[in-house]
Amino acid sequence: MTRKNRLPILATSILAAVALPALAPFASAANYFWDPTQLGTDPGSGGTADWNTTSSFWHLAGVAGDVVWPNVKSNTATFAGTAGTVTVTTPTMRWG
């Protein structure tokens, strides 16, 4: 391959390395439902519990059971169902 042929490949590689990480947060955005009683269904159970990054208190549509909060800023936390108190016990990142 000649030097002239390598230039477009190099330019494309640099563009991808810069642009893809910037788009990644939007590609992985998801809506999580507060589900401390672990119903595992939309829109979650609601209720009182501690919000942290170790307890499986979140339901993600299309996933069986509940999962831990992924702590990615692009995700949205949705609260519905039984009223309660949610105490944030771990620094968390969230949109909604």
Protein backbone atom coordinates (compact mmCIF):
# COMPACT_ATOMS: atom_id res chain seq x y z
CA MET A 1 0.00 0.00 0.00
CA THR A 2 1.38 3.38 -0.91
CA ARG A 3 1.55 6.36 1.37
CA LYS A 4 -1.16 8.06 -0.70
CA ASN A 5 -3.54 5.13 -0.12
CA ARG A 6 -2.91 5.08 3.64
CA LEU A 7 -3.94 8.72 4.22
CA PRO A 8 -7.74 8.19 3.85
CA ILE A 9 -7.57 5.13 6.13
CA LEU A 10 -5.64 7.10 8.75
CA ALA A 11 -8.07 10.04 8.55
CA THR A 12 -11.08 7.71 8.92
CA SER A 13 -9.48 5.98 11.91
CA ILE A 14 -8.78 9.29 13.67
CA LEU A 15 -12.34 10.50 13.03
CA ALA A 16 -13.80 7.28 14.43
CA ALA A 17 -11.56 7.45 17.51
CA VAL A 18 -12.79 10.98 18.26
CA ALA A 19 -16.48 10.70 17.28
CA LEU A 20 -17.48 7.27 18.64
CA PRO A 21 -16.72 7.92 22.33
CA ALA A 22 -18.72 11.15 22.13
CA LEU A 23 -21.77 9.26 20.83
CA ALA A 24 -21.50 6.29 23.21
CA PRO A 25 -23.52 7.78 26.11
CA PHE A 26 -26.51 8.36 23.83
CA ALA A 27 -26.36 4.87 22.37
CA SER A 28 -26.50 3.23 25.78
CA ALA A 29 -29.24 5.38 27.33
CA ALA A 30 -31.96 3.34 29.01
CA ASN A 31 -35.01 3.85 31.19
CA TYR A 32 -34.79 2.04 34.54
CA PHE A 33 -37.84 1.51 36.77
CA TRP A 34 -37.53 1.70 40.59
CA ASP A 35 -38.44 -1.82 41.81
CA PRO A 36 -37.21 -2.45 45.38
CA THR A 37 -39.78 -5.24 45.95
CA GLN A 38 -38.33 -6.87 42.82
CA LEU A 39 -41.48 -7.48 40.79
CA GLY A 40 -39.34 -7.45 37.68
CA THR A 41 -42.01 -5.77 35.53
CA ASP A 42 -42.74 -2.30 34.15
CA PRO A 43 -43.29 0.22 35.72
CA GLY A 44 -41.63 -1.23 38.83
CA SER A 45 -43.12 -1.54 42.29
CA GLY A 46 -42.18 1.76 43.88
CA GLY A 47 -41.68 1.91 47.62
CA THR A 48 -39.01 2.68 50.18
CA ALA A 49 -35.38 1.58 49.87
CA ASP A 50 -31.80 2.84 49.54
CA TRP A 51 -30.60 3.78 46.06
CA ASN A 52 -27.05 2.50 45.62
CA THR A 53 -24.97 0.73 43.01
CA THR A 54 -25.01 -2.71 44.65
CA SER A 55 -28.71 -3.62 45.20
CA SER A 56 -30.85 -5.04 42.39
CA PHE A 57 -33.68 -2.54 42.77
CA TRP A 58 -34.07 -1.53 39.13
CA HIS A 59 -36.07 -3.11 36.34
CA LEU A 60 -34.89 -2.63 32.77
CA ALA A 61 -37.53 -3.33 30.12
CA GLY A 62 -36.74 -6.47 28.17
CA VAL A 63 -34.50 -7.92 30.87
CA ALA A 64 -35.72 -10.73 33.13
CA GLY A 65 -35.63 -9.80 36.82
CA ASP A 66 -34.01 -6.72 38.28
CA VAL A 67 -30.54 -5.26 37.94
CA VAL A 68 -28.27 -2.88 39.84
CA TRP A 69 -28.20 0.81 38.88
CA PRO A 70 -25.48 1.02 36.18
CA ASN A 71 -24.39 4.53 37.24
CA VAL A 72 -24.14 5.87 33.70
CA LYS A 73 -25.23 9.48 33.34
CA SER A 74 -27.34 8.92 30.21
CA ASN A 75 -29.80 6.57 31.95
CA THR A 76 -33.18 7.71 33.28
CA ALA A 77 -34.61 6.72 36.65
CA THR A 78 -38.41 6.28 36.62
CA PHE A 79 -40.45 6.10 39.83
CA ALA A 80 -44.02 4.77 39.84
CA GLY A 81 -46.22 2.48 41.91
CA THR A 82 -46.29 2.61 45.72
CA ALA A 83 -45.17 5.89 47.28
CA GLY A 84 -42.11 5.72 49.49
CA THR A 85 -38.82 7.27 50.48
CA VAL A 86 -35.75 6.74 48.31
CA THR A 87 -32.50 7.47 50.10
CA VAL A 88 -29.48 7.95 47.85
CA THR A 89 -26.64 6.23 49.73
CA THR A 90 -24.03 6.15 46.94
CA PRO A 91 -23.00 8.95 44.57
CA THR A 92 -25.07 8.31 41.46
CA MET A 93 -25.29 9.65 37.93
CA ARG A 94 -28.70 9.99 36.29
CA TRP A 95 -30.73 12.17 33.91
CA GLY A 96 -34.30 11.94 35.12
